[in-house]
Amino acid sequence: MKIEDPKVAFLVSLNKGQGLLEPVTKDSTNPHFKSKYASLGAVNAAVMGPLAEAGFVLMSGGVDIAGKPYLRTTLAHVVGHSESFDYPIVNDGNPQHIASSITYARRYTLTMVLGISSE
């Protein structure tokens, strides 16, 4: 069955891709709170194969929204439809804080958009 509407094809493929996803392993520990969490590497390892199999590409980059920095994550499908999601970034001038904020935004945007959980 060929689906003509790109948005419908996107949703059908997203449904397929989500069905292929497994819970992400919590492989890191937050030293401040002594809590376990799934690193960006663990999230990427869990999602990239199923997304590619379902015809998706992930892209991310910085955007300015009303003078504030955001990470924009775009989930693009091979049929041409895409959806983008924005997450605010901390910009206090400290490069380490900015990098940490970007990593956090990438990790949580992926888990939120794809509806995945950590074991």
N, C-alpha and C. Protein backbone atom coordinates (compact mmCIF):
# COMPACT_ATOMS: atom_id res chain seq x y z
N MET A 1 0.85 -1.18 0.00
CA MET A 1 0.00 0.00 0.00
C MET A 1 0.89 1.24 0.00
N LYS A 2 0.71 2.08 -0.99
CA LYS A 2 1.48 3.32 -1.09
C LYS A 2 0.65 4.45 -0.50
N ILE A 3 1.27 5.21 0.40
CA ILE A 3 0.59 6.34 1.03
C ILE A 3 1.04 7.61 0.33
N GLU A 4 0.11 8.38 -0.20
CA GLU A 4 0.42 9.58 -0.97
C GLU A 4 0.70 10.81 -0.10
N ASP A 5 -0.01 10.95 1.00
CA ASP A 5 0.13 12.13 1.84
C ASP A 5 1.41 12.01 2.68
N PRO A 6 2.39 12.94 2.51
CA PRO A 6 3.65 12.85 3.25
C PRO A 6 3.49 12.84 4.78
N LYS A 7 2.51 13.60 5.30
CA LYS A 7 2.34 13.63 6.75
C LYS A 7 1.80 12.29 7.25
N VAL A 8 0.90 11.69 6.51
CA VAL A 8 0.37 10.38 6.89
C VAL A 8 1.48 9.34 6.81
N ALA A 9 2.30 9.39 5.76
CA ALA A 9 3.42 8.45 5.63
C ALA A 9 4.40 8.64 6.79
N PHE A 10 4.64 9.88 7.18
CA PHE A 10 5.50 10.20 8.33
C PHE A 10 4.96 9.52 9.59
N LEU A 11 3.67 9.69 9.85
CA LEU A 11 3.05 9.13 11.06
C LEU A 11 3.03 7.60 11.03
N VAL A 12 2.76 7.01 9.90
CA VAL A 12 2.77 5.55 9.78
C VAL A 12 4.17 5.03 10.06
N SER A 13 5.18 5.68 9.51
CA SER A 13 6.56 5.26 9.73
C SER A 13 7.01 5.51 11.17
N LEU A 14 6.55 6.61 11.76
CA LEU A 14 6.89 6.89 13.16
C LEU A 14 6.30 5.80 14.05
N ASN A 15 5.09 5.39 13.75
CA ASN A 15 4.47 4.30 14.49
C ASN A 15 5.31 3.03 14.37
N LYS A 16 5.79 2.74 13.17
CA LYS A 16 6.65 1.57 12.95
C LYS A 16 7.94 1.72 13.75
N GLY A 17 8.58 2.88 13.64
CA GLY A 17 9.84 3.11 14.34
C GLY A 17 9.70 3.01 15.85
N GLN A 18 8.63 3.57 16.39
CA GLN A 18 8.41 3.49 17.83
C GLN A 18 8.20 2.05 18.27
N GLY A 19 7.59 1.26 17.42
CA GLY A 19 7.39 -0.15 17.75
C GLY A 19 8.69 -0.93 17.81
N LEU A 20 9.72 -0.43 17.16
CA LEU A 20 11.02 -1.09 17.15
C LEU A 20 11.90 -0.67 18.33
N LEU A 21 11.52 0.40 19.01
CA LEU A 21 12.35 0.94 20.10
C LEU A 21 12.25 0.10 21.36
N GLU A 22 13.37 -0.03 22.02
CA GLU A 22 13.44 -0.71 23.32
C GLU A 22 13.71 0.37 24.38
N PRO A 23 13.38 0.09 25.65
CA PRO A 23 13.74 1.04 26.71
C PRO A 23 15.25 1.27 26.72
N VAL A 24 15.65 2.47 27.05
CA VAL A 24 17.06 2.84 27.07
C VAL A 24 17.65 2.50 28.43
N THR A 25 18.84 1.93 28.42
CA THR A 25 19.52 1.56 29.66
C THR A 25 20.08 2.80 30.34
N LYS A 26 19.85 2.92 31.63
CA LYS A 26 20.46 3.99 32.42
C LYS A 26 21.91 3.61 32.66
N ASP A 27 22.80 4.25 31.94
CA ASP A 27 24.21 3.85 31.95
C ASP A 27 25.13 4.86 32.64
N SER A 28 24.57 5.93 33.19
CA SER A 28 25.39 6.99 33.81
C SER A 28 24.83 7.35 35.18
N THR A 29 25.68 7.97 35.99
CA THR A 29 25.27 8.41 37.32
C THR A 29 25.52 9.91 37.47
N ASN A 30 24.52 10.62 37.96
CA ASN A 30 24.66 12.04 38.26
C ASN A 30 25.41 12.14 39.59
N PRO A 31 26.62 12.73 39.59
CA PRO A 31 27.42 12.77 40.82
C PRO A 31 26.82 13.66 41.91
N HIS A 32 26.02 14.64 41.51
CA HIS A 32 25.44 15.55 42.50
C HIS A 32 24.26 14.94 43.24
N PHE A 33 23.45 14.16 42.52
CA PHE A 33 22.24 13.60 43.12
C PHE A 33 22.32 12.09 43.31
N LYS A 34 23.43 11.48 42.85
CA LYS A 34 23.62 10.02 42.96
C LYS A 34 22.49 9.24 42.28
N SER A 35 21.93 9.82 41.22
CA SER A 35 20.84 9.14 40.51
C SER A 35 21.35 8.63 39.17
N LYS A 36 20.76 7.56 38.69
CA LYS A 36 21.12 6.98 37.40
C LYS A 36 20.30 7.63 36.30
N TYR A 37 20.91 7.76 35.11
CA TYR A 37 20.20 8.29 33.95
C TYR A 37 20.80 7.70 32.68
N ALA A 38 20.05 7.80 31.59
CA ALA A 38 20.53 7.33 30.29
C ALA A 38 21.31 8.46 29.63
N SER A 39 22.55 8.17 29.26
CA SER A 39 23.38 9.18 28.60
C SER A 39 22.89 9.41 27.17
N LEU A 40 23.36 10.51 26.57
CA LEU A 40 23.03 10.79 25.17
C LEU A 40 23.51 9.64 24.29
N GLY A 41 24.67 9.08 24.58
CA GLY A 41 25.18 7.95 23.81
C GLY A 41 24.25 6.75 23.87
N ALA A 42 23.72 6.46 25.06
CA ALA A 42 22.79 5.33 25.21
C ALA A 42 21.49 5.59 24.46
N VAL A 43 20.99 6.82 24.53
CA VAL A 43 19.76 7.17 23.81
C VAL A 43 19.99 7.04 22.30
N ASN A 44 21.10 7.61 21.81
CA ASN A 44 21.40 7.51 20.38
C ASN A 44 21.54 6.06 19.94
N ALA A 45 22.23 5.25 20.73
CA ALA A 45 22.41 3.83 20.38
C ALA A 45 21.06 3.12 20.28
N ALA A 46 20.12 3.50 21.12
CA ALA A 46 18.81 2.85 21.13
C ALA A 46 17.90 3.31 19.99
N VAL A 47 18.04 4.55 19.55
CA VAL A 47 17.07 5.09 18.59
C VAL A 47 17.53 5.14 17.14
N MET A 48 18.81 5.27 16.89
CA MET A 48 19.26 5.52 15.52
C MET A 48 18.96 4.38 14.55
N GLY A 49 19.16 3.15 14.95
CA GLY A 49 18.86 2.01 14.08
C GLY A 49 17.38 1.93 13.73
N PRO A 50 16.48 1.91 14.74
CA PRO A 50 15.05 1.86 14.44
C PRO A 50 14.56 3.05 13.62
N LEU A 51 15.10 4.25 13.88
CA LEU A 51 14.68 5.41 13.09
C LEU A 51 15.11 5.26 11.64
N ALA A 52 16.34 4.84 11.42
CA ALA A 52 16.82 4.65 10.05
C ALA A 52 16.00 3.57 9.33
N GLU A 53 15.68 2.50 10.04
CA GLU A 53 14.88 1.42 9.45
C GLU A 53 13.49 1.91 9.04
N ALA A 54 12.97 2.89 9.79
CA ALA A 54 11.64 3.43 9.49
C ALA A 54 11.70 4.62 8.53
N GLY A 55 12.91 4.98 8.08
CA GLY A 55 13.02 6.04 7.08
C GLY A 55 13.19 7.44 7.62
N PHE A 56 13.75 7.57 8.82
CA PHE A 56 13.91 8.88 9.44
C PHE A 56 15.37 9.31 9.54
N VAL A 57 15.55 10.61 9.54
CA VAL A 57 16.84 11.24 9.79
C VAL A 57 16.61 12.26 10.90
N LEU A 58 17.55 12.31 11.85
CA LEU A 58 17.50 13.30 12.93
C LEU A 58 18.52 14.39 12.65
N MET A 59 18.12 15.63 12.86
CA MET A 59 19.02 16.76 12.71
C MET A 59 18.79 17.70 13.88
N SER A 60 19.85 18.38 14.31
CA SER A 60 19.67 19.36 15.37
C SER A 60 20.65 20.50 15.19
N GLY A 61 20.26 21.65 15.69
CA GLY A 61 21.11 22.83 15.60
C GLY A 61 20.51 23.95 16.42
N GLY A 62 21.27 24.99 16.59
CA GLY A 62 20.82 26.11 17.40
C GLY A 62 19.95 27.09 16.63
N VAL A 63 18.98 27.65 17.31
CA VAL A 63 18.12 28.69 16.74
C VAL A 63 17.90 29.76 17.81
N ASP A 64 17.60 30.96 17.34
CA ASP A 64 17.29 32.07 18.23
C ASP A 64 15.78 32.28 18.20
N ILE A 65 15.16 32.23 19.36
CA ILE A 65 13.73 32.48 19.46
C ILE A 65 13.54 33.62 20.45
N ALA A 66 13.09 34.75 19.95
CA ALA A 66 12.87 35.95 20.78
C ALA A 66 14.12 36.32 21.58
N GLY A 67 15.29 36.21 20.93
CA GLY A 67 16.53 36.60 21.57
C GLY A 67 17.12 35.59 22.53
N LYS A 68 16.55 34.39 22.58
CA LYS A 68 17.05 33.35 23.49
C LYS A 68 17.47 32.12 22.68
N PRO A 69 18.54 31.42 23.15
CA PRO A 69 19.01 30.26 22.40
C PRO A 69 18.17 29.01 22.68
N TYR A 70 17.92 28.28 21.62
CA TYR A 70 17.19 27.02 21.69
C TYR A 70 17.90 25.99 20.84
N LEU A 71 17.73 24.74 21.20
CA LEU A 71 18.15 23.64 20.34
C LEU A 71 16.92 23.22 19.56
N ARG A 72 17.04 23.17 18.24
CA ARG A 72 15.94 22.70 17.40
C ARG A 72 16.31 21.31 16.91
N THR A 73 15.46 20.34 17.24
CA THR A 73 15.64 18.97 16.78
C THR A 73 14.57 18.71 15.72
N THR A 74 15.02 18.25 14.57
CA THR A 74 14.10 17.97 13.47
C THR A 74 14.14 16.49 13.14
N LEU A 75 12.96 15.91 13.09
CA LEU A 75 12.78 14.52 12.69
C LEU A 75 12.23 14.57 11.26
N ALA A 76 13.07 14.20 10.29
CA ALA A 76 12.69 14.27 8.88
C ALA A 76 12.49 12.86 8.33
N HIS A 77 11.46 12.72 7.51
CA HIS A 77 11.15 11.44 6.90
C HIS A 77 11.52 11.47 5.43
N VAL A 78 11.85 10.32 4.88
CA VAL A 78 12.31 10.23 3.49
C VAL A 78 11.27 10.71 2.48
N VAL A 79 9.99 10.74 2.86
CA VAL A 79 8.96 11.22 1.92
C VAL A 79 8.89 12.74 1.87
N GLY A 80 9.64 13.42 2.75
CA GLY A 80 9.70 14.88 2.68
C GLY A 80 9.07 15.61 3.84
N HIS A 81 8.24 14.95 4.64
CA HIS A 81 7.62 15.64 5.78
C HIS A 81 8.59 15.62 6.96
N SER A 82 8.58 16.70 7.74
CA SER A 82 9.40 16.76 8.94
C SER A 82 8.66 17.49 10.04
N GLU A 83 9.07 17.24 11.26
CA GLU A 83 8.54 17.92 12.44
C GLU A 83 9.73 18.40 13.25
N SER A 84 9.63 19.63 13.78
CA SER A 84 10.72 20.19 14.59
C SER A 84 10.24 20.50 16.00
N PHE A 85 11.18 20.40 16.95
CA PHE A 85 10.89 20.60 18.36
C PHE A 85 12.00 21.46 18.94
N ASP A 86 11.63 22.46 19.71
CA ASP A 86 12.59 23.40 20.29
C ASP A 86 12.70 23.22 21.80
N TYR A 87 13.94 23.33 22.30
CA TYR A 87 14.21 23.18 23.73
C TYR A 87 15.16 24.29 24.15
N PRO A 88 14.85 25.03 25.23
CA PRO A 88 15.70 26.15 25.62
C PRO A 88 17.08 25.71 26.10
N ILE A 89 18.07 26.53 25.81
CA ILE A 89 19.46 26.26 26.18
C ILE A 89 19.91 27.30 27.20
N VAL A 90 20.64 26.86 28.22
CA VAL A 90 21.24 27.77 29.19
C VAL A 90 22.40 28.49 28.51
N ASN A 91 22.42 29.80 28.58
CA ASN A 91 23.54 30.56 28.04
C ASN A 91 23.98 31.57 29.08
N ASP A 92 24.83 31.09 30.00
CA ASP A 92 25.34 31.97 31.05
C ASP A 92 26.77 32.41 30.77
N GLY A 93 27.23 32.14 29.53
CA GLY A 93 28.59 32.52 29.15
C GLY A 93 29.64 31.48 29.48
N ASN A 94 29.28 30.47 30.26
CA ASN A 94 30.22 29.41 30.63
C ASN A 94 30.11 28.30 29.58
N PRO A 95 31.18 28.06 28.79
CA PRO A 95 31.11 27.05 27.73
C PRO A 95 30.71 25.66 28.23
N GLN A 96 31.17 25.27 29.43
CA GLN A 96 30.82 23.95 29.95
C GLN A 96 29.33 23.87 30.26
N HIS A 97 28.75 24.93 30.83
CA HIS A 97 27.31 24.94 31.12
C HIS A 97 26.50 24.89 29.82
N ILE A 98 26.96 25.63 28.82
CA ILE A 98 26.25 25.65 27.53
C ILE A 98 26.29 24.26 26.91
N ALA A 99 27.48 23.63 26.88
CA ALA A 99 27.60 22.29 26.31
C ALA A 99 26.75 21.28 27.06
N SER A 100 26.74 21.36 28.38
CA SER A 100 25.90 20.45 29.18
C SER A 100 24.43 20.66 28.88
N SER A 101 24.03 21.92 28.72
CA SER A 101 22.64 22.23 28.42
C SER A 101 22.23 21.68 27.05
N ILE A 102 23.14 21.77 26.08
CA ILE A 102 22.86 21.23 24.75
C ILE A 102 22.72 19.71 24.80
N THR A 103 23.62 19.04 25.51
CA THR A 103 23.55 17.59 25.64
C THR A 103 22.24 17.18 26.31
N TYR A 104 21.88 17.88 27.38
CA TYR A 104 20.62 17.60 28.09
C TYR A 104 19.44 17.78 27.14
N ALA A 105 19.44 18.88 26.39
CA ALA A 105 18.34 19.16 25.46
C ALA A 105 18.25 18.09 24.39
N ARG A 106 19.38 17.67 23.85
CA ARG A 106 19.36 16.62 22.83
C ARG A 106 18.78 15.32 23.38
N ARG A 107 19.23 14.94 24.56
CA ARG A 107 18.78 13.68 25.18
C ARG A 107 17.28 13.72 25.48
N TYR A 108 16.83 14.77 26.11
CA TYR A 108 15.43 14.82 26.51
C TYR A 108 14.48 15.09 25.36
N THR A 109 14.92 15.82 24.35
CA THR A 109 14.07 16.01 23.18
C THR A 109 13.83 14.68 22.49
N LEU A 110 14.89 13.89 22.33
CA LEU A 110 14.73 12.58 21.68
C LEU A 110 13.79 11.67 22.45
N THR A 111 13.97 11.59 23.75
CA THR A 111 13.12 10.68 24.53
C THR A 111 11.67 11.17 24.53
N MET A 112 11.49 12.48 24.57
CA MET A 112 10.13 13.04 24.58
C MET A 112 9.42 12.83 23.23
N VAL A 113 10.11 13.17 22.15
CA VAL A 113 9.52 13.08 20.83
C VAL A 113 9.19 11.64 20.46
N LEU A 114 10.07 10.72 20.82
CA LEU A 114 9.89 9.33 20.43
C LEU A 114 9.10 8.51 21.45
N GLY A 115 8.82 9.10 22.60
CA GLY A 115 8.03 8.41 23.60
C GLY A 115 8.74 7.22 24.21
N ILE A 116 10.07 7.33 24.38
CA ILE A 116 10.82 6.21 24.97
C ILE A 116 11.11 6.47 26.42
N SER A 117 11.34 5.39 27.14
CA SER A 117 11.63 5.49 28.58
C SER A 117 12.94 4.80 28.88
N SER A 118 13.42 5.04 30.08
CA SER A 118 14.63 4.38 30.55
C SER A 118 14.22 3.19 31.43
N GLU A 119 15.02 2.11 31.37
CA GLU A 119 14.69 0.98 32.23
C GLU A 119 15.10 1.28 33.65
